[in-house]
Amino acid sequence: MKKSILILSSLFILASVLVGCGKVEPDYTTKEFEAALNNGENLEGKIVSVEVSELEPNSAFGYNIQAGEHLNFVSTENPNVKKEDTVLLEIKKVESMLGSYIISYEKK
């Protein structure tokens, strides 16, 4: 009896973990994210669904995914995306510079 309870408990825990490891859902679209930034919200740690308008691999900040009106998602690592791709990014830091946002991220 104890053995079957232990096995069932283990299976329940495993199932719970697998369900929790499902698909990551974004908190914002690019448009919603830019509106929230313009409203002064702190968005670090949020997940954004970004449609790539342009990729500038040689910008002053490294690889620059341009999106929205004034959004620059930057990284020193190649994000391996191309124009019109949609990618999920977790926001690490946001800075405002010369009317644009410089955003560091982690790809999801």
PDB file of N, CA and C in Angstrom:
ATOM      1  N   MET A   1       0.830  -1.196   0.000  1.00  0.00           N
ATOM      2  CA  MET A   1       0.000   0.000   0.000  1.00  0.00           C
ATOM      3  C   MET A   1       0.872   1.256   0.000  1.00  0.00           C
ATOM      4  N   LYS A   2       1.890   1.275   0.854  1.00  0.00           N
ATOM      5  CA  LYS A   2       2.776   2.438   0.914  1.00  0.00           C
ATOM      6  C   LYS A   2       3.496   2.625  -0.421  1.00  0.00           C
ATOM      7  N   LYS A   3       3.845   1.513  -1.047  1.00  0.00           N
ATOM      8  CA  LYS A   3       4.554   1.566  -2.321  1.00  0.00           C
ATOM      9  C   LYS A   3       3.678   2.209  -3.403  1.00  0.00           C
ATOM     10  N   SER A   4       2.410   1.833  -3.460  1.00  0.00           N
ATOM     11  CA  SER A   4       1.516   2.383  -4.477  1.00  0.00           C
ATOM     12  C   SER A   4       1.248   3.872  -4.232  1.00  0.00           C
ATOM     13  N   ILE A   5       1.151   4.281  -2.978  1.00  0.00           N
ATOM     14  CA  ILE A   5       0.968   5.697  -2.659  1.00  0.00           C
ATOM     15  C   ILE A   5       2.211   6.489  -3.077  1.00  0.00           C
ATOM     16  N   LEU A   6       3.378   5.942  -2.828  1.00  0.00           N
ATOM     17  CA  LEU A   6       4.635   6.590  -3.217  1.00  0.00           C
ATOM     18  C   LEU A   6       4.719   6.725  -4.736  1.00  0.00           C
ATOM     19  N   ILE A   7       4.350   5.673  -5.449  1.00  0.00           N
ATOM     20  CA  ILE A   7       4.386   5.709  -6.916  1.00  0.00           C
ATOM     21  C   ILE A   7       3.379   6.723  -7.449  1.00  0.00           C
ATOM     22  N   LEU A   8       2.160   6.715  -6.928  1.00  0.00           N
ATOM     23  CA  LEU A   8       1.144   7.676  -7.376  1.00  0.00           C
ATOM     24  C   LEU A   8       1.551   9.112  -7.068  1.00  0.00           C
ATOM     25  N   SER A   9       2.139   9.336  -5.923  1.00  0.00           N
ATOM     26  CA  SER A   9       2.609  10.678  -5.561  1.00  0.00           C
ATOM     27  C   SER A   9       3.702  11.133  -6.515  1.00  0.00           C
ATOM     28  N   SER A  10       4.610  10.245  -6.820  1.00  0.00           N
ATOM     29  CA  SER A  10       5.705  10.564  -7.750  1.00  0.00           C
ATOM     30  C   SER A  10       5.165  10.899  -9.130  1.00  0.00           C
ATOM     31  N   LEU A  11       4.200  10.120  -9.601  1.00  0.00           N
ATOM     32  CA  LEU A  11       3.594  10.383 -10.906  1.00  0.00           C
ATOM     33  C   LEU A  11       2.853  11.715 -10.921  1.00  0.00           C
ATOM     34  N   PHE A  12       2.163  12.035  -9.844  1.00  0.00           N
ATOM     35  CA  PHE A  12       1.458  13.316  -9.755  1.00  0.00           C
ATOM     36  C   PHE A  12       2.440  14.490  -9.805  1.00  0.00           C
ATOM     37  N   ILE A  13       3.523  14.379  -9.080  1.00  0.00           N
ATOM     38  CA  ILE A  13       4.548  15.435  -9.071  1.00  0.00           C
ATOM     39  C   ILE A  13       5.158  15.582 -10.457  1.00  0.00           C
ATOM     40  N   LEU A  14       5.486  14.479 -11.095  1.00  0.00           N
ATOM     41  CA  LEU A  14       6.058  14.514 -12.442  1.00  0.00           C
ATOM     42  C   LEU A  14       5.090  15.164 -13.434  1.00  0.00           C
ATOM     43  N   ALA A  15       3.817  14.793 -13.358  1.00  0.00           N
ATOM     44  CA  ALA A  15       2.811  15.380 -14.246  1.00  0.00           C
ATOM     45  C   ALA A  15       2.688  16.883 -14.010  1.00  0.00           C
ATOM     46  N   SER A  16       2.728  17.302 -12.767  1.00  0.00           N
ATOM     47  CA  SER A  16       2.643  18.734 -12.439  1.00  0.00           C
ATOM     48  C   SER A  16       3.820  19.499 -13.013  1.00  0.00           C
ATOM     49  N   VAL A  17       4.998  18.933 -12.914  1.00  0.00           N
ATOM     50  CA  VAL A  17       6.197  19.580 -13.448  1.00  0.00           C
ATOM     51  C   VAL A  17       6.115  19.688 -14.963  1.00  0.00           C
ATOM     52  N   LEU A  18       5.687  18.633 -15.632  1.00  0.00           N
ATOM     53  CA  LEU A  18       5.581  18.653 -17.089  1.00  0.00           C
ATOM     54  C   LEU A  18       4.555  19.665 -17.578  1.00  0.00           C
ATOM     55  N   VAL A  19       3.436  19.793 -16.889  1.00  0.00           N
ATOM     56  CA  VAL A  19       2.432  20.783 -17.264  1.00  0.00           C
ATOM     57  C   VAL A  19       2.998  22.192 -17.065  1.00  0.00           C
ATOM     58  N   GLY A  20       3.759  22.415 -16.011  1.00  0.00           N
ATOM     59  CA  GLY A  20       4.358  23.719 -15.732  1.00  0.00           C
ATOM     60  C   GLY A  20       5.440  24.106 -16.718  1.00  0.00           C
ATOM     61  N   CYS A  21       5.990  23.133 -17.446  1.00  0.00           N
ATOM     62  CA  CYS A  21       7.053  23.396 -18.420  1.00  0.00           C
ATOM     63  C   CYS A  21       6.493  23.606 -19.814  1.00  0.00           C
ATOM     64  N   GLY A  22       5.242  23.953 -19.906  1.00  0.00           N
ATOM     65  CA  GLY A  22       4.595  24.135 -21.203  1.00  0.00           C
ATOM     66  C   GLY A  22       5.089  25.375 -21.924  1.00  0.00           C
ATOM     67  N   LYS A  23       4.383  25.709 -22.946  1.00  0.00           N
ATOM     68  CA  LYS A  23       4.721  26.829 -23.812  1.00  0.00           C
ATOM     69  C   LYS A  23       4.701  28.154 -23.043  1.00  0.00           C
ATOM     70  N   VAL A  24       5.685  28.992 -23.315  1.00  0.00           N
ATOM     71  CA  VAL A  24       5.769  30.314 -22.687  1.00  0.00           C
ATOM     72  C   VAL A  24       4.820  31.257 -23.419  1.00  0.00           C
ATOM     73  N   GLU A  25       3.984  31.944 -22.685  1.00  0.00           N
ATOM     74  CA  GLU A  25       3.046  32.907 -23.261  1.00  0.00           C
ATOM     75  C   GLU A  25       3.575  34.320 -23.034  1.00  0.00           C
ATOM     76  N   PRO A  26       3.486  35.182 -24.044  1.00  0.00           N
ATOM     77  CA  PRO A  26       3.976  36.557 -23.877  1.00  0.00           C
ATOM     78  C   PRO A  26       3.049  37.392 -22.986  1.00  0.00           C
ATOM     79  N   ASP A  27       3.665  38.352 -22.285  1.00  0.00           N
ATOM     80  CA  ASP A  27       2.894  39.320 -21.506  1.00  0.00           C
ATOM     81  C   ASP A  27       2.408  40.464 -22.390  1.00  0.00           C
ATOM     82  N   TYR A  28       3.180  40.765 -23.448  1.00  0.00           N
ATOM     83  CA  TYR A  28       2.903  41.910 -24.315  1.00  0.00           C
ATOM     84  C   TYR A  28       3.201  41.586 -25.765  1.00  0.00           C
ATOM     85  N   THR A  29       2.483  42.249 -26.663  1.00  0.00           N
ATOM     86  CA  THR A  29       2.879  42.316 -28.064  1.00  0.00           C
ATOM     87  C   THR A  29       3.850  43.492 -28.173  1.00  0.00           C
ATOM     88  N   THR A  30       4.473  43.649 -29.320  1.00  0.00           N
ATOM     89  CA  THR A  30       5.393  44.775 -29.513  1.00  0.00           C
ATOM     90  C   THR A  30       4.678  46.105 -29.287  1.00  0.00           C
ATOM     91  N   LYS A  31       3.485  46.252 -29.856  1.00  0.00           N
ATOM     92  CA  LYS A  31       2.724  47.501 -29.741  1.00  0.00           C
ATOM     93  C   LYS A  31       2.348  47.781 -28.288  1.00  0.00           C
ATOM     94  N   GLU A  32       1.863  46.762 -27.574  1.00  0.00           N
ATOM     95  CA  GLU A  32       1.485  46.933 -26.163  1.00  0.00           C
ATOM     96  C   GLU A  32       2.713  47.257 -25.307  1.00  0.00           C
ATOM     97  N   PHE A  33       3.816  46.612 -25.616  1.00  0.00           N
ATOM     98  CA  PHE A  33       5.056  46.831 -24.871  1.00  0.00           C
ATOM     99  C   PHE A  33       5.535  48.276 -25.026  1.00  0.00           C
ATOM    100  N   GLU A  34       5.528  48.773 -26.254  1.00  0.00           N
ATOM    101  CA  GLU A  34       5.971  50.152 -26.483  1.00  0.00           C
ATOM    102  C   GLU A  34       5.042  51.154 -25.793  1.00  0.00           C
ATOM    103  N   ALA A  35       3.738  50.910 -25.816  1.00  0.00           N
ATOM    104  CA  ALA A  35       2.786  51.786 -25.125  1.00  0.00           C
ATOM    105  C   ALA A  35       3.050  51.782 -23.622  1.00  0.00           C
ATOM    106  N   ALA A  36       3.320  50.597 -23.055  1.00  0.00           N
ATOM    107  CA  ALA A  36       3.605  50.512 -21.620  1.00  0.00           C
ATOM    108  C   ALA A  36       4.901  51.249 -21.275  1.00  0.00           C
ATOM    109  N   LEU A  37       5.919  51.136 -22.129  1.00  0.00           N
ATOM    110  CA  LEU A  37       7.165  51.891 -21.905  1.00  0.00           C
ATOM    111  C   LEU A  37       6.905  53.392 -21.942  1.00  0.00           C
ATOM    112  N   ASN A  38       6.124  53.832 -22.914  1.00  0.00           N
ATOM    113  CA  ASN A  38       5.805  55.251 -23.031  1.00  0.00           C
ATOM    114  C   ASN A  38       5.023  55.763 -21.824  1.00  0.00           C
ATOM    115  N   ASN A  39       4.323  54.857 -21.129  1.00  0.00           N
ATOM    116  CA  ASN A  39       3.586  55.218 -19.914  1.00  0.00           C
ATOM    117  C   ASN A  39       4.456  55.121 -18.666  1.00  0.00           C
ATOM    118  N   GLY A  40       5.733  54.794 -18.840  1.00  0.00           N
ATOM    119  CA  GLY A  40       6.664  54.764 -17.713  1.00  0.00           C
ATOM    120  C   GLY A  40       6.648  53.493 -16.892  1.00  0.00           C
ATOM    121  N   GLU A  41       6.048  52.427 -17.395  1.00  0.00           N
ATOM    122  CA  GLU A  41       5.976  51.179 -16.638  1.00  0.00           C
ATOM    123  C   GLU A  41       7.337  50.479 -16.602  1.00  0.00           C
ATOM    124  N   ASN A  42       7.618  49.781 -15.508  1.00  0.00           N
ATOM    125  CA  ASN A  42       8.815  48.956 -15.370  1.00  0.00           C
ATOM    126  C   ASN A  42       8.480  47.581 -15.936  1.00  0.00           C
ATOM    127  N   LEU A  43       9.147  47.194 -17.007  1.00  0.00           N
ATOM    128  CA  LEU A  43       8.795  45.966 -17.703  1.00  0.00           C
ATOM    129  C   LEU A  43       9.885  44.904 -17.649  1.00  0.00           C
ATOM    130  N   GLU A  44      10.871  45.091 -16.775  1.00  0.00           N
ATOM    131  CA  GLU A  44      11.931  44.093 -16.647  1.00  0.00           C
ATOM    132  C   GLU A  44      11.332  42.782 -16.179  1.00  0.00           C
ATOM    133  N   GLY A  45      11.750  41.675 -16.803  1.00  0.00           N
ATOM    134  CA  GLY A  45      11.241  40.353 -16.469  1.00  0.00           C
ATOM    135  C   GLY A  45      10.015  39.943 -17.265  1.00  0.00           C
ATOM    136  N   LYS A  46       9.430  40.863 -18.016  1.00  0.00           N
ATOM    137  CA  LYS A  46       8.244  40.556 -18.814  1.00  0.00           C
ATOM    138  C   LYS A  46       8.658  39.881 -20.127  1.00  0.00           C
ATOM    139  N   ILE A  47       7.731  39.117 -20.708  1.00  0.00           N
ATOM    140  CA  ILE A  47       7.953  38.430 -21.970  1.00  0.00           C
ATOM    141  C   ILE A  47       7.203  39.186 -23.068  1.00  0.00           C
ATOM    142  N   VAL A  48       7.921  39.483 -24.167  1.00  0.00           N
ATOM    143  CA  VAL A  48       7.350  40.239 -25.270  1.00  0.00           C
ATOM    144  C   VAL A  48       7.428  39.414 -26.554  1.00  0.00           C
ATOM    145  N   SER A  49       6.335  39.383 -27.284  1.00  0.00           N
ATOM    146  CA  SER A  49       6.320  38.781 -28.611  1.00  0.00           C
ATOM    147  C   SER A  49       6.717  39.876 -29.596  1.00  0.00           C
ATOM    148  N   VAL A  50       7.889  39.719 -30.216  1.00  0.00           N
ATOM    149  CA  VAL A  50       8.461  40.765 -31.061  1.00  0.00           C
ATOM    150  C   VAL A  50       8.476  40.316 -32.518  1.00  0.00           C
ATOM    151  N   GLU A  51       7.876  41.133 -33.397  1.00  0.00           N
ATOM    152  CA  GLU A  51       8.008  40.892 -34.825  1.00  0.00           C
ATOM    153  C   GLU A  51       9.180  41.729 -35.323  1.00  0.00           C
ATOM    154  N   VAL A  52      10.164  41.078 -35.905  1.00  0.00           N
ATOM    155  CA  VAL A  52      11.400  41.730 -36.338  1.00  0.00           C
ATOM    156  C   VAL A  52      11.125  42.590 -37.572  1.00  0.00           C
ATOM    157  N   SER A  53      11.336  43.919 -37.427  1.00  0.00           N
ATOM    158  CA  SER A  53      11.225  44.816 -38.573  1.00  0.00           C
ATOM    159  C   SER A  53      12.526  44.798 -39.365  1.00  0.00           C
ATOM    160  N   GLU A  54      13.643  44.844 -38.643  1.00  0.00           N
ATOM    161  CA  GLU A  54      14.984  44.808 -39.233  1.00  0.00           C
ATOM    162  C   GLU A  54      15.934  44.182 -38.235  1.00  0.00           C
ATOM    163  N   LEU A  55      17.020  43.599 -38.729  1.00  0.00           N
ATOM    164  CA  LEU A  55      18.106  43.138 -37.874  1.00  0.00           C
ATOM    165  C   LEU A  55      19.363  43.850 -38.316  1.00  0.00           C
ATOM    166  N   GLU A  56      19.954  44.618 -37.406  1.00  0.00           N
ATOM    167  CA  GLU A  56      21.201  45.337 -37.669  1.00  0.00           C
ATOM    168  C   GLU A  56      22.308  44.634 -36.888  1.00  0.00           C
ATOM    169  N   PRO A  57      23.106  43.787 -37.561  1.00  0.00           N
ATOM    170  CA  PRO A  57      24.107  43.000 -36.831  1.00  0.00           C
ATOM    171  C   PRO A  57      25.336  43.791 -36.388  1.00  0.00           C
ATOM    172  N   ASN A  58      25.556  44.974 -36.946  1.00  0.00           N
ATOM    173  CA  ASN A  58      26.773  45.736 -36.639  1.00  0.00           C
ATOM    174  C   ASN A  58      26.482  47.079 -35.979  1.00  0.00           C
ATOM    175  N   SER A  59      25.456  47.145 -35.157  1.00  0.00           N
ATOM    176  CA  SER A  59      25.143  48.410 -34.492  1.00  0.00           C
ATOM    177  C   SER A  59      26.153  48.687 -33.378  1.00  0.00           C
ATOM    178  N   ALA A  60      26.103  49.865 -32.835  1.00  0.00           N
ATOM    179  CA  ALA A  60      27.003  50.228 -31.732  1.00  0.00           C
ATOM    180  C   ALA A  60      26.740  49.395 -30.481  1.00  0.00           C
ATOM    181  N   PHE A  61      25.577  48.765 -30.415  1.00  0.00           N
ATOM    182  CA  PHE A  61      25.195  47.972 -29.238  1.00  0.00           C
ATOM    183  C   PHE A  61      25.311  46.473 -29.487  1.00  0.00           C
ATOM    184  N   GLY A  62      25.756  46.081 -30.657  1.00  0.00           N
ATOM    185  CA  GLY A  62      25.821  44.665 -31.030  1.00  0.00           C
ATOM    186  C   GLY A  62      24.710  44.343 -32.003  1.00  0.00           C
ATOM    187  N   TYR A  63      24.126  43.166 -31.878  1.00  0.00           N
ATOM    188  CA  TYR A  63      23.008  42.778 -32.733  1.00  0.00           C
ATOM    189  C   TYR A  63      21.775  43.538 -32.274  1.00  0.00           C
ATOM    190  N   ASN A  64      21.150  44.251 -33.200  1.00  0.00           N
ATOM    191  CA  ASN A  64      20.019  45.113 -32.876  1.00  0.00           C
ATOM    192  C   ASN A  64      18.782  44.639 -33.635  1.00  0.00           C
ATOM    193  N   ILE A  65      17.807  44.097 -32.900  1.00  0.00           N
ATOM    194  CA  ILE A  65      16.518  43.751 -33.488  1.00  0.00           C
ATOM    195  C   ILE A  65      15.663  45.007 -33.384  1.00  0.00           C
ATOM    196  N   GLN A  66      15.306  45.573 -34.528  1.00  0.00           N
ATOM    197  CA  GLN A  66      14.477  46.770 -34.542  1.00  0.00           C
ATOM    198  C   GLN A  66      13.018  46.352 -34.697  1.00  0.00           C
ATOM    199  N   ALA A  67      12.159  46.963 -33.881  1.00  0.00           N
ATOM    200  CA  ALA A  67      10.726  46.650 -33.905  1.00  0.00           C
ATOM    201  C   ALA A  67       9.959  47.865 -33.405  1.00  0.00           C
ATOM    202  N   GLY A  68       8.671  47.909 -33.688  1.00  0.00           N
ATOM    203  CA  GLY A  68       7.864  49.038 -33.215  1.00  0.00           C
ATOM    204  C   GLY A  68       8.375  50.351 -33.771  1.00  0.00           C
ATOM    205  N   GLU A  69       7.979  51.438 -33.127  1.00  0.00           N
ATOM    206  CA  GLU A  69       8.411  52.769 -33.561  1.00  0.00           C
ATOM    207  C   GLU A  69       9.831  53.096 -33.111  1.00  0.00           C
ATOM    208  N   HIS A  70      10.134  52.797 -31.840  1.00  0.00           N
ATOM    209  CA  HIS A  70      11.419  53.204 -31.270  1.00  0.00           C
ATOM    210  C   HIS A  70      12.027  52.113 -30.392  1.00  0.00           C
ATOM    211  N   LEU A  71      11.854  50.854 -30.786  1.00  0.00           N
ATOM    212  CA  LEU A  71      12.341  49.750 -29.969  1.00  0.00           C
ATOM    213  C   LEU A  71      13.576  49.120 -30.598  1.00  0.00           C
ATOM    214  N   ASN A  72      14.624  48.994 -29.806  1.00  0.00           N
ATOM    215  CA  ASN A  72      15.869  48.368 -30.229  1.00  0.00           C
ATOM    216  C   ASN A  72      16.236  47.301 -29.207  1.00  0.00           C
ATOM    217  N   PHE A  73      16.024  46.045 -29.567  1.00  0.00           N
ATOM    218  CA  PHE A  73      16.345  44.922 -28.695  1.00  0.00           C
ATOM    219  C   PHE A  73      17.774  44.508 -29.029  1.00  0.00           C
ATOM    220  N   VAL A  74      18.699  44.705 -28.080  1.00  0.00           N
ATOM    221  CA  VAL A  74      20.115  44.536 -28.388  1.00  0.00           C
ATOM    222  C   VAL A  74      20.751  43.402 -27.585  1.00  0.00           C
ATOM    223  N   SER A  75      21.749  42.772 -28.234  1.00  0.00           N
ATOM    224  CA  SER A  75      22.469  41.680 -27.613  1.00  0.00           C
ATOM    225  C   SER A  75      23.846  41.570 -28.255  1.00  0.00           C
ATOM    226  N   THR A  76      24.806  41.078 -27.495  1.00  0.00           N
ATOM    227  CA  THR A  76      26.132  40.823 -28.060  1.00  0.00           C
ATOM    228  C   THR A  76      26.158  39.479 -28.781  1.00  0.00           C
ATOM    229  N   GLU A  77      25.121  38.655 -28.562  1.00  0.00           N
ATOM    230  CA  GLU A  77      25.030  37.350 -29.208  1.00  0.00           C
ATOM    231  C   GLU A  77      24.071  37.407 -30.390  1.00  0.00           C
ATOM    232  N   ASN A  78      24.399  36.681 -31.447  1.00  0.00           N
ATOM    233  CA  ASN A  78      23.558  36.621 -32.631  1.00  0.00           C
ATOM    234  C   ASN A  78      22.219  35.969 -32.276  1.00  0.00           C
ATOM    235  N   PRO A  79      21.093  36.669 -32.474  1.00  0.00           N
ATOM    236  CA  PRO A  79      19.792  36.101 -32.132  1.00  0.00           C
ATOM    237  C   PRO A  79      19.269  35.112 -33.178  1.00  0.00           C
ATOM    238  N   ASN A  80      19.961  35.010 -34.312  1.00  0.00           N
ATOM    239  CA  ASN A  80      19.553  34.090 -35.388  1.00  0.00           C
ATOM    240  C   ASN A  80      18.101  34.288 -35.802  1.00  0.00           C
ATOM    241  N   VAL A  81      17.763  35.526 -36.128  1.00  0.00           N
ATOM    242  CA  VAL A  81      16.439  35.863 -36.631  1.00  0.00           C
ATOM    243  C   VAL A  81      16.592  36.630 -37.929  1.00  0.00           C
ATOM    244  N   LYS A  82      15.497  36.741 -38.657  1.00  0.00           N
ATOM    245  CA  LYS A  82      15.500  37.543 -39.876  1.00  0.00           C
ATOM    246  C   LYS A  82      14.234  38.401 -39.914  1.00  0.00           C
ATOM    247  N   LYS A  83      14.201  39.326 -40.841  1.00  0.00           N
ATOM    248  CA  LYS A  83      13.070  40.230 -40.987  1.00  0.00           C
ATOM    249  C   LYS A  83      11.773  39.432 -41.072  1.00  0.00           C
ATOM    250  N   GLU A  84      10.756  39.903 -40.344  1.00  0.00           N
ATOM    251  CA  GLU A  84       9.405  39.345 -40.272  1.00  0.00           C
ATOM    252  C   GLU A  84       9.296  38.105 -39.390  1.00  0.00           C
ATOM    253  N   ASP A  85      10.395  37.642 -38.772  1.00  0.00           N
ATOM    254  CA  ASP A  85      10.301  36.576 -37.773  1.00  0.00           C
ATOM    255  C   ASP A  85       9.600  37.126 -36.543  1.00  0.00           C
ATOM    256  N   THR A  86       8.954  36.246 -35.799  1.00  0.00           N
ATOM    257  CA  THR A  86       8.398  36.609 -34.502  1.00  0.00           C
ATOM    258  C   THR A  86       9.142  35.803 -33.455  1.00  0.00           C
ATOM    259  N   VAL A  87       9.608  36.487 -32.409  1.00  0.00           N
ATOM    260  CA  VAL A  87      10.428  35.857 -31.385  1.00  0.00           C
ATOM    261  C   VAL A  87       9.958  36.300 -30.007  1.00  0.00           C
ATOM    262  N   LEU A  88      10.072  35.402 -29.022  1.00  0.00           N
ATOM    263  CA  LEU A  88       9.734  35.742 -27.641  1.00  0.00           C
ATOM    264  C   LEU A  88      11.000  36.152 -26.907  1.00  0.00           C
ATOM    265  N   LEU A  89      10.956  37.318 -26.270  1.00  0.00           N
ATOM    266  CA  LEU A  89      12.107  37.858 -25.558  1.00  0.00           C
ATOM    267  C   LEU A  89      11.722  38.203 -24.123  1.00  0.00           C
ATOM    268  N   GLU A  90      12.578  37.811 -23.179  1.00  0.00           N
ATOM    269  CA  GLU A  90      12.397  38.216 -21.782  1.00  0.00           C
ATOM    270  C   GLU A  90      13.241  39.461 -21.555  1.00  0.00           C
ATOM    271  N   ILE A  91      12.622  40.514 -21.072  1.00  0.00           N
ATOM    272  CA  ILE A  91      13.284  41.807 -20.918  1.00  0.00           C
ATOM    273  C   ILE A  91      14.168  41.803 -19.676  1.00  0.00           C
ATOM    274  N   LYS A  92      15.437  42.191 -19.871  1.00  0.00           N
ATOM    275  CA  LYS A  92      16.399  42.259 -18.772  1.00  0.00           C
ATOM    276  C   LYS A  92      16.628  43.695 -18.301  1.00  0.00           C
ATOM    277  N   LYS A  93      16.725  44.639 -19.261  1.00  0.00           N
ATOM    278  CA  LYS A  93      17.001  46.033 -18.906  1.00  0.00           C
ATOM    279  C   LYS A  93      16.500  46.931 -20.030  1.00  0.00           C
ATOM    280  N   VAL A  94      15.950  48.088 -19.656  1.00  0.00           N
ATOM    281  CA  VAL A  94      15.467  49.061 -20.634  1.00  0.00           C
ATOM    282  C   VAL A  94      16.119  50.409 -20.351  1.00  0.00           C
ATOM    283  N   GLU A  95      16.687  51.010 -21.396  1.00  0.00           N
ATOM    284  CA  GLU A  95      17.260  52.346 -21.282  1.00  0.00           C
ATOM    285  C   GLU A  95      16.663  53.215 -22.381  1.00  0.00           C
ATOM    286  N   SER A  96      16.502  54.489 -22.095  1.00  0.00           N
ATOM    287  CA  SER A  96      16.014  55.435 -23.084  1.00  0.00           C
ATOM    288  C   SER A  96      17.187  56.280 -23.553  1.00  0.00           C
ATOM    289  N   MET A  97      17.343  56.365 -24.881  1.00  0.00           N
ATOM    290  CA  MET A  97      18.475  57.104 -25.429  1.00  0.00           C
ATOM    291  C   MET A  97      18.071  57.766 -26.748  1.00  0.00           C
ATOM    292  N   LEU A  98      18.184  59.068 -26.815  1.00  0.00           N
ATOM    293  CA  LEU A  98      17.924  59.823 -28.038  1.00  0.00           C
ATOM    294  C   LEU A  98      16.552  59.507 -28.654  1.00  0.00           C
ATOM    295  N   GLY A  99      15.537  59.374 -27.815  1.00  0.00           N
ATOM    296  CA  GLY A  99      14.183  59.143 -28.296  1.00  0.00           C
ATOM    297  C   GLY A  99      13.854  57.700 -28.629  1.00  0.00           C
ATOM    298  N   SER A 100      14.781  56.792 -28.367  1.00  0.00           N
ATOM    299  CA  SER A 100      14.534  55.367 -28.618  1.00  0.00           C
ATOM    300  C   SER A 100      14.804  54.568 -27.350  1.00  0.00           C
ATOM    301  N   TYR A 101      14.289  53.370 -27.323  1.00  0.00           N
ATOM    302  CA  TYR A 101      14.554  52.474 -26.200  1.00  0.00           C
ATOM    303  C   TYR A 101      15.609  51.454 -26.599  1.00  0.00           C
ATOM    304  N   ILE A 102      16.607  51.278 -25.744  1.00  0.00           N
ATOM    305  CA  ILE A 102      17.636  50.275 -25.915  1.00  0.00           C
ATOM    306  C   ILE A 102      17.335  49.190 -24.885  1.00  0.00           C
ATOM    307  N   ILE A 103      17.016  47.996 -25.355  1.00  0.00           N
ATOM    308  CA  ILE A 103      16.470  46.952 -24.503  1.00  0.00           C
ATOM    309  C   ILE A 103      17.346  45.708 -24.570  1.00  0.00           C
ATOM    310  N   SER A 104      17.878  45.289 -23.429  1.00  0.00           N
ATOM    311  CA  SER A 104      18.600  44.019 -23.385  1.00  0.00           C
ATOM    312  C   SER A 104      17.622  42.929 -23.006  1.00  0.00           C
ATOM    313  N   TYR A 105      17.879  41.722 -23.482  1.00  0.00           N
ATOM    314  CA  TYR A 105      16.897  40.648 -23.362  1.00  0.00           C
ATOM    315  C   TYR A 105      17.565  39.288 -23.304  1.00  0.00           C
ATOM    316  N   GLU A 106      16.739  38.300 -23.016  1.00  0.00           N
ATOM    317  CA  GLU A 106      17.132  36.896 -23.124  1.00  0.00           C
ATOM    318  C   GLU A 106      16.091  36.234 -24.020  1.00  0.00           C
ATOM    319  N   LYS A 107      16.549  35.536 -25.028  1.00  0.00           N
ATOM    320  CA  LYS A 107      15.643  34.874 -25.959  1.00  0.00           C
ATOM    321  C   LYS A 107      14.987  33.682 -25.280  1.00  0.00           C
ATOM    322  N   LYS A 108      13.693  33.523 -25.470  1.00  0.00           N
ATOM    323  CA  LYS A 108      12.924  32.417 -24.884  1.00  0.00           C
ATOM    324  C   LYS A 108      12.652  31.342 -25.912  1.00  0.00           C
TER     325      LYS A 108
END
